[in-house]
Amino acid sequence: MRELERVLVNLIANALRYSPPGRPPMVTGSSHGAVVELRVIDHGPGIPADRWEDVFLPFQRLGDGDNHTGVGLGLALSRGLTEAMGGTLTPDETPGGGLTMIVALPAGAAG
């Protein structure tokens, strides 16, 4: 469970950082057959779709002017941990603006 906890802490911390005041991020969960899907949804500035994979590169902080918080390893680590549990971590657009990070794991695989 520690790996999943670390993934969610990283994703929620990012969502909190980029969410505008009065629009906190939301976390949802659903089951699709043998897959459990967790979504961390924010209404921040979002990331252009052609840059989605860039956020998973170590030391990337796309458009982040805050040089005092983090070094850009959180999403790279989160994807690695998710894949180690047999799952995927993918970004998607949030309807109305923002970014949704989707953690999809085999049911019962949370490490």
N, C-alpha and C. Protein backbone atom coordinates (compact mmCIF):
# COMPACT_ATOMS: atom_id res chain seq x y z
N MET A 1 0.82 -1.20 0.00
CA MET A 1 0.00 0.00 0.00
C MET A 1 0.87 1.26 0.00
N ARG A 2 2.08 1.18 0.44
CA ARG A 2 2.94 2.35 0.50
C ARG A 2 3.18 2.98 -0.87
N GLU A 3 3.33 2.15 -1.90
CA GLU A 3 3.58 2.67 -3.23
C GLU A 3 2.39 3.49 -3.73
N LEU A 4 1.19 2.93 -3.58
CA LEU A 4 -0.01 3.64 -4.01
C LEU A 4 -0.20 4.93 -3.20
N GLU A 5 0.07 4.85 -1.92
CA GLU A 5 -0.04 6.04 -1.08
C GLU A 5 0.91 7.14 -1.57
N ARG A 6 2.12 6.77 -1.90
CA ARG A 6 3.10 7.75 -2.38
C ARG A 6 2.67 8.36 -3.71
N VAL A 7 2.14 7.53 -4.60
CA VAL A 7 1.64 8.02 -5.89
C VAL A 7 0.54 9.05 -5.65
N LEU A 8 -0.43 8.70 -4.82
CA LEU A 8 -1.55 9.61 -4.58
C LEU A 8 -1.11 10.89 -3.88
N VAL A 9 -0.19 10.80 -2.93
CA VAL A 9 0.32 12.01 -2.27
C VAL A 9 0.96 12.94 -3.30
N ASN A 10 1.77 12.38 -4.20
CA ASN A 10 2.41 13.21 -5.24
C ASN A 10 1.38 13.86 -6.15
N LEU A 11 0.42 13.08 -6.61
CA LEU A 11 -0.58 13.61 -7.54
C LEU A 11 -1.47 14.66 -6.89
N ILE A 12 -1.88 14.40 -5.66
CA ILE A 12 -2.73 15.37 -4.96
C ILE A 12 -1.96 16.64 -4.65
N ALA A 13 -0.69 16.52 -4.25
CA ALA A 13 0.12 17.71 -3.98
C ALA A 13 0.25 18.57 -5.23
N ASN A 14 0.48 17.95 -6.38
CA ASN A 14 0.55 18.70 -7.64
C ASN A 14 -0.78 19.38 -7.95
N ALA A 15 -1.86 18.64 -7.79
CA ALA A 15 -3.18 19.19 -8.08
C ALA A 15 -3.48 20.38 -7.16
N LEU A 16 -3.11 20.28 -5.90
CA LEU A 16 -3.31 21.39 -4.96
C LEU A 16 -2.48 22.60 -5.37
N ARG A 17 -1.27 22.37 -5.82
CA ARG A 17 -0.39 23.46 -6.21
C ARG A 17 -0.97 24.26 -7.37
N TYR A 18 -1.61 23.59 -8.31
CA TYR A 18 -2.08 24.26 -9.53
C TYR A 18 -3.56 24.61 -9.54
N SER A 19 -4.31 24.19 -8.53
CA SER A 19 -5.74 24.49 -8.49
C SER A 19 -5.96 25.94 -8.06
N PRO A 20 -6.89 26.60 -8.71
CA PRO A 20 -7.19 27.98 -8.32
C PRO A 20 -7.93 28.02 -6.98
N PRO A 21 -7.84 29.14 -6.28
CA PRO A 21 -8.58 29.26 -5.01
C PRO A 21 -10.07 29.00 -5.22
N GLY A 22 -10.66 28.28 -4.30
CA GLY A 22 -12.08 27.99 -4.38
C GLY A 22 -12.44 26.82 -5.28
N ARG A 23 -11.46 26.20 -5.92
CA ARG A 23 -11.70 25.03 -6.78
C ARG A 23 -10.72 23.93 -6.42
N PRO A 24 -10.90 23.32 -5.26
CA PRO A 24 -9.95 22.29 -4.83
C PRO A 24 -9.99 21.08 -5.76
N PRO A 25 -8.90 20.32 -5.80
CA PRO A 25 -8.89 19.11 -6.62
C PRO A 25 -9.87 18.08 -6.06
N MET A 26 -10.20 17.13 -6.89
CA MET A 26 -11.11 16.07 -6.50
C MET A 26 -10.45 14.73 -6.83
N VAL A 27 -10.70 13.73 -6.00
CA VAL A 27 -10.20 12.38 -6.24
C VAL A 27 -11.42 11.47 -6.36
N THR A 28 -11.46 10.70 -7.45
CA THR A 28 -12.55 9.75 -7.64
C THR A 28 -11.97 8.36 -7.87
N GLY A 29 -12.79 7.37 -7.64
CA GLY A 29 -12.38 5.99 -7.88
C GLY A 29 -13.51 5.21 -8.52
N SER A 30 -13.14 4.28 -9.39
CA SER A 30 -14.15 3.44 -10.03
C SER A 30 -13.51 2.10 -10.39
N SER A 31 -14.37 1.14 -10.63
CA SER A 31 -13.91 -0.20 -11.00
C SER A 31 -14.45 -0.52 -12.39
N HIS A 32 -13.58 -1.05 -13.23
CA HIS A 32 -13.95 -1.45 -14.59
C HIS A 32 -13.46 -2.87 -14.79
N GLY A 33 -14.27 -3.83 -14.43
CA GLY A 33 -13.86 -5.23 -14.52
C GLY A 33 -12.70 -5.52 -13.58
N ALA A 34 -11.57 -5.92 -14.14
CA ALA A 34 -10.40 -6.27 -13.33
C ALA A 34 -9.47 -5.07 -13.11
N VAL A 35 -9.94 -3.86 -13.45
CA VAL A 35 -9.11 -2.65 -13.31
C VAL A 35 -9.78 -1.66 -12.37
N VAL A 36 -8.99 -1.13 -11.46
CA VAL A 36 -9.44 -0.06 -10.57
C VAL A 36 -8.81 1.23 -11.09
N GLU A 37 -9.64 2.26 -11.20
CA GLU A 37 -9.17 3.53 -11.75
C GLU A 37 -9.36 4.63 -10.71
N LEU A 38 -8.28 5.34 -10.41
CA LEU A 38 -8.32 6.50 -9.53
C LEU A 38 -8.00 7.72 -10.37
N ARG A 39 -8.76 8.79 -10.18
CA ARG A 39 -8.54 10.03 -10.92
C ARG A 39 -8.30 11.17 -9.95
N VAL A 40 -7.24 11.92 -10.19
CA VAL A 40 -6.97 13.14 -9.43
C VAL A 40 -7.23 14.28 -10.41
N ILE A 41 -8.26 15.06 -10.13
CA ILE A 41 -8.79 16.04 -11.06
C ILE A 41 -8.54 17.45 -10.53
N ASP A 42 -7.92 18.30 -11.35
CA ASP A 42 -7.77 19.70 -10.95
C ASP A 42 -8.32 20.61 -12.04
N HIS A 43 -8.55 21.86 -11.68
CA HIS A 43 -9.06 22.87 -12.62
C HIS A 43 -8.04 23.99 -12.80
N GLY A 44 -6.77 23.64 -12.72
CA GLY A 44 -5.70 24.60 -12.92
C GLY A 44 -5.50 24.93 -14.38
N PRO A 45 -4.32 25.43 -14.73
CA PRO A 45 -4.07 25.85 -16.10
C PRO A 45 -3.97 24.70 -17.10
N GLY A 46 -3.79 23.49 -16.62
CA GLY A 46 -3.66 22.35 -17.53
C GLY A 46 -2.32 22.33 -18.23
N ILE A 47 -2.15 21.35 -19.08
CA ILE A 47 -0.93 21.17 -19.86
C ILE A 47 -1.36 20.80 -21.27
N PRO A 48 -0.79 21.43 -22.29
CA PRO A 48 -1.16 21.04 -23.66
C PRO A 48 -0.91 19.55 -23.88
N ALA A 49 -1.81 18.91 -24.61
CA ALA A 49 -1.72 17.46 -24.83
C ALA A 49 -0.39 17.04 -25.43
N ASP A 50 0.21 17.88 -26.26
CA ASP A 50 1.49 17.51 -26.87
C ASP A 50 2.65 17.56 -25.89
N ARG A 51 2.41 18.01 -24.66
CA ARG A 51 3.45 18.05 -23.62
C ARG A 51 3.18 17.07 -22.48
N TRP A 52 2.11 16.28 -22.58
CA TRP A 52 1.75 15.39 -21.48
C TRP A 52 2.87 14.43 -21.11
N GLU A 53 3.52 13.84 -22.05
CA GLU A 53 4.58 12.88 -21.72
C GLU A 53 5.80 13.58 -21.11
N ASP A 54 5.99 14.86 -21.41
CA ASP A 54 7.12 15.60 -20.85
C ASP A 54 7.07 15.70 -19.33
N VAL A 55 5.87 15.72 -18.75
CA VAL A 55 5.77 15.87 -17.30
C VAL A 55 6.32 14.67 -16.54
N PHE A 56 6.49 13.54 -17.25
CA PHE A 56 7.01 12.35 -16.59
C PHE A 56 8.52 12.22 -16.70
N LEU A 57 9.17 13.16 -17.37
CA LEU A 57 10.62 13.16 -17.44
C LEU A 57 11.19 13.71 -16.13
N PRO A 58 12.23 13.10 -15.59
CA PRO A 58 12.82 13.61 -14.35
C PRO A 58 13.26 15.06 -14.49
N PHE A 59 13.05 15.82 -13.44
CA PHE A 59 13.47 17.22 -13.31
C PHE A 59 12.68 18.18 -14.20
N GLN A 60 11.51 17.75 -14.69
CA GLN A 60 10.64 18.63 -15.47
C GLN A 60 9.68 19.35 -14.55
N ARG A 61 9.54 20.64 -14.76
CA ARG A 61 8.56 21.44 -14.01
C ARG A 61 7.96 22.42 -15.00
N LEU A 62 7.12 21.94 -15.87
CA LEU A 62 6.59 22.73 -16.97
C LEU A 62 5.85 23.97 -16.47
N GLY A 63 6.36 25.14 -16.83
CA GLY A 63 5.69 26.39 -16.52
C GLY A 63 5.62 26.72 -15.06
N ASP A 64 6.34 26.03 -14.22
CA ASP A 64 6.28 26.25 -12.77
C ASP A 64 7.32 27.30 -12.39
N GLY A 65 6.86 28.44 -11.94
CA GLY A 65 7.78 29.51 -11.54
C GLY A 65 8.24 29.40 -10.11
N ASP A 66 7.69 28.45 -9.35
CA ASP A 66 8.07 28.26 -7.95
C ASP A 66 9.31 27.38 -7.89
N ASN A 67 10.45 27.98 -7.63
CA ASN A 67 11.71 27.22 -7.57
C ASN A 67 12.05 26.76 -6.17
N HIS A 68 11.10 26.85 -5.26
CA HIS A 68 11.37 26.48 -3.87
C HIS A 68 10.66 25.19 -3.45
N THR A 69 9.80 24.66 -4.31
CA THR A 69 9.02 23.48 -3.95
C THR A 69 9.30 22.36 -4.93
N GLY A 70 9.98 21.33 -4.52
CA GLY A 70 10.21 20.17 -5.36
C GLY A 70 11.28 20.39 -6.41
N VAL A 71 11.70 19.27 -7.00
CA VAL A 71 12.74 19.32 -8.04
C VAL A 71 12.27 18.69 -9.34
N GLY A 72 10.99 18.33 -9.42
CA GLY A 72 10.48 17.76 -10.67
C GLY A 72 10.64 16.26 -10.79
N LEU A 73 10.64 15.56 -9.68
CA LEU A 73 10.75 14.10 -9.71
C LEU A 73 9.44 13.39 -9.38
N GLY A 74 8.48 14.11 -8.83
CA GLY A 74 7.25 13.49 -8.33
C GLY A 74 6.49 12.68 -9.36
N LEU A 75 6.27 13.24 -10.54
CA LEU A 75 5.49 12.51 -11.55
C LEU A 75 6.29 11.37 -12.16
N ALA A 76 7.59 11.54 -12.34
CA ALA A 76 8.42 10.45 -12.84
C ALA A 76 8.40 9.29 -11.84
N LEU A 77 8.55 9.59 -10.57
CA LEU A 77 8.49 8.57 -9.53
C LEU A 77 7.11 7.92 -9.47
N SER A 78 6.08 8.74 -9.56
CA SER A 78 4.71 8.21 -9.50
C SER A 78 4.43 7.25 -10.65
N ARG A 79 4.88 7.60 -11.84
CA ARG A 79 4.65 6.70 -12.98
C ARG A 79 5.44 5.40 -12.77
N GLY A 80 6.68 5.49 -12.33
CA GLY A 80 7.48 4.29 -12.09
C GLY A 80 6.85 3.37 -11.05
N LEU A 81 6.35 3.96 -9.97
CA LEU A 81 5.70 3.15 -8.93
C LEU A 81 4.42 2.51 -9.44
N THR A 82 3.65 3.28 -10.21
CA THR A 82 2.40 2.75 -10.76
C THR A 82 2.69 1.58 -11.70
N GLU A 83 3.69 1.74 -12.55
CA GLU A 83 4.05 0.66 -13.48
C GLU A 83 4.59 -0.56 -12.73
N ALA A 84 5.30 -0.33 -11.63
CA ALA A 84 5.82 -1.45 -10.83
C ALA A 84 4.67 -2.25 -10.20
N MET A 85 3.52 -1.61 -10.01
CA MET A 85 2.34 -2.30 -9.48
C MET A 85 1.51 -2.92 -10.61
N GLY A 86 2.00 -2.84 -11.85
CA GLY A 86 1.30 -3.42 -12.98
C GLY A 86 0.27 -2.50 -13.61
N GLY A 87 0.35 -1.20 -13.29
CA GLY A 87 -0.65 -0.27 -13.79
C GLY A 87 -0.09 0.79 -14.71
N THR A 88 -0.91 1.79 -14.96
CA THR A 88 -0.52 2.92 -15.80
C THR A 88 -0.88 4.22 -15.11
N LEU A 89 -0.14 5.26 -15.44
CA LEU A 89 -0.44 6.62 -14.99
C LEU A 89 -0.47 7.49 -16.23
N THR A 90 -1.64 8.03 -16.54
CA THR A 90 -1.79 8.83 -17.75
C THR A 90 -2.54 10.12 -17.46
N PRO A 91 -2.17 11.18 -18.17
CA PRO A 91 -2.90 12.45 -18.04
C PRO A 91 -4.08 12.50 -19.00
N ASP A 92 -5.03 13.35 -18.68
CA ASP A 92 -6.17 13.60 -19.55
C ASP A 92 -6.66 15.02 -19.27
N GLU A 93 -7.41 15.57 -20.19
CA GLU A 93 -7.97 16.90 -19.98
C GLU A 93 -9.10 16.83 -18.95
N THR A 94 -9.20 17.87 -18.14
CA THR A 94 -10.34 18.02 -17.26
C THR A 94 -11.38 18.85 -18.01
N PRO A 95 -12.60 18.37 -18.15
CA PRO A 95 -13.62 19.19 -18.79
C PRO A 95 -13.75 20.54 -18.08
N GLY A 96 -13.74 21.60 -18.84
CA GLY A 96 -13.81 22.94 -18.26
C GLY A 96 -12.44 23.52 -17.95
N GLY A 97 -11.38 22.78 -18.21
CA GLY A 97 -10.02 23.26 -18.00
C GLY A 97 -9.34 22.57 -16.83
N GLY A 98 -8.07 22.29 -17.00
CA GLY A 98 -7.29 21.63 -15.96
C GLY A 98 -6.72 20.32 -16.46
N LEU A 99 -6.24 19.53 -15.53
CA LEU A 99 -5.61 18.26 -15.85
C LEU A 99 -6.13 17.18 -14.92
N THR A 100 -6.36 16.01 -15.47
CA THR A 100 -6.77 14.85 -14.70
C THR A 100 -5.68 13.80 -14.85
N MET A 101 -5.17 13.31 -13.72
CA MET A 101 -4.19 12.23 -13.75
C MET A 101 -4.93 10.94 -13.39
N ILE A 102 -4.78 9.93 -14.25
CA ILE A 102 -5.51 8.68 -14.10
C ILE A 102 -4.55 7.55 -13.74
N VAL A 103 -4.78 6.96 -12.58
CA VAL A 103 -4.03 5.78 -12.13
C VAL A 103 -4.94 4.58 -12.37
N ALA A 104 -4.49 3.67 -13.23
CA ALA A 104 -5.25 2.46 -13.52
C ALA A 104 -4.41 1.27 -13.05
N LEU A 105 -4.99 0.47 -12.16
CA LEU A 105 -4.29 -0.67 -11.58
C LEU A 105 -5.13 -1.93 -11.67
N PRO A 106 -4.48 -3.09 -11.82
CA PRO A 106 -5.22 -4.34 -11.72
C PRO A 106 -5.83 -4.42 -10.32
N ALA A 107 -7.07 -4.84 -10.23
CA ALA A 107 -7.73 -4.97 -8.93
C ALA A 107 -6.91 -5.85 -8.02
N GLY A 108 -6.67 -5.42 -6.81
CA GLY A 108 -5.89 -6.18 -5.84
C GLY A 108 -4.39 -6.02 -5.99
N ALA A 109 -3.91 -5.11 -6.84
CA ALA A 109 -2.48 -4.99 -7.10
C ALA A 109 -1.81 -3.87 -6.32
N ALA A 110 -2.56 -3.07 -5.57
CA ALA A 110 -1.95 -1.93 -4.88
C ALA A 110 -0.85 -2.39 -3.95
N GLY A 111 0.34 -1.84 -4.16
CA GLY A 111 1.51 -2.24 -3.39
C GLY A 111 1.72 -1.50 -2.13
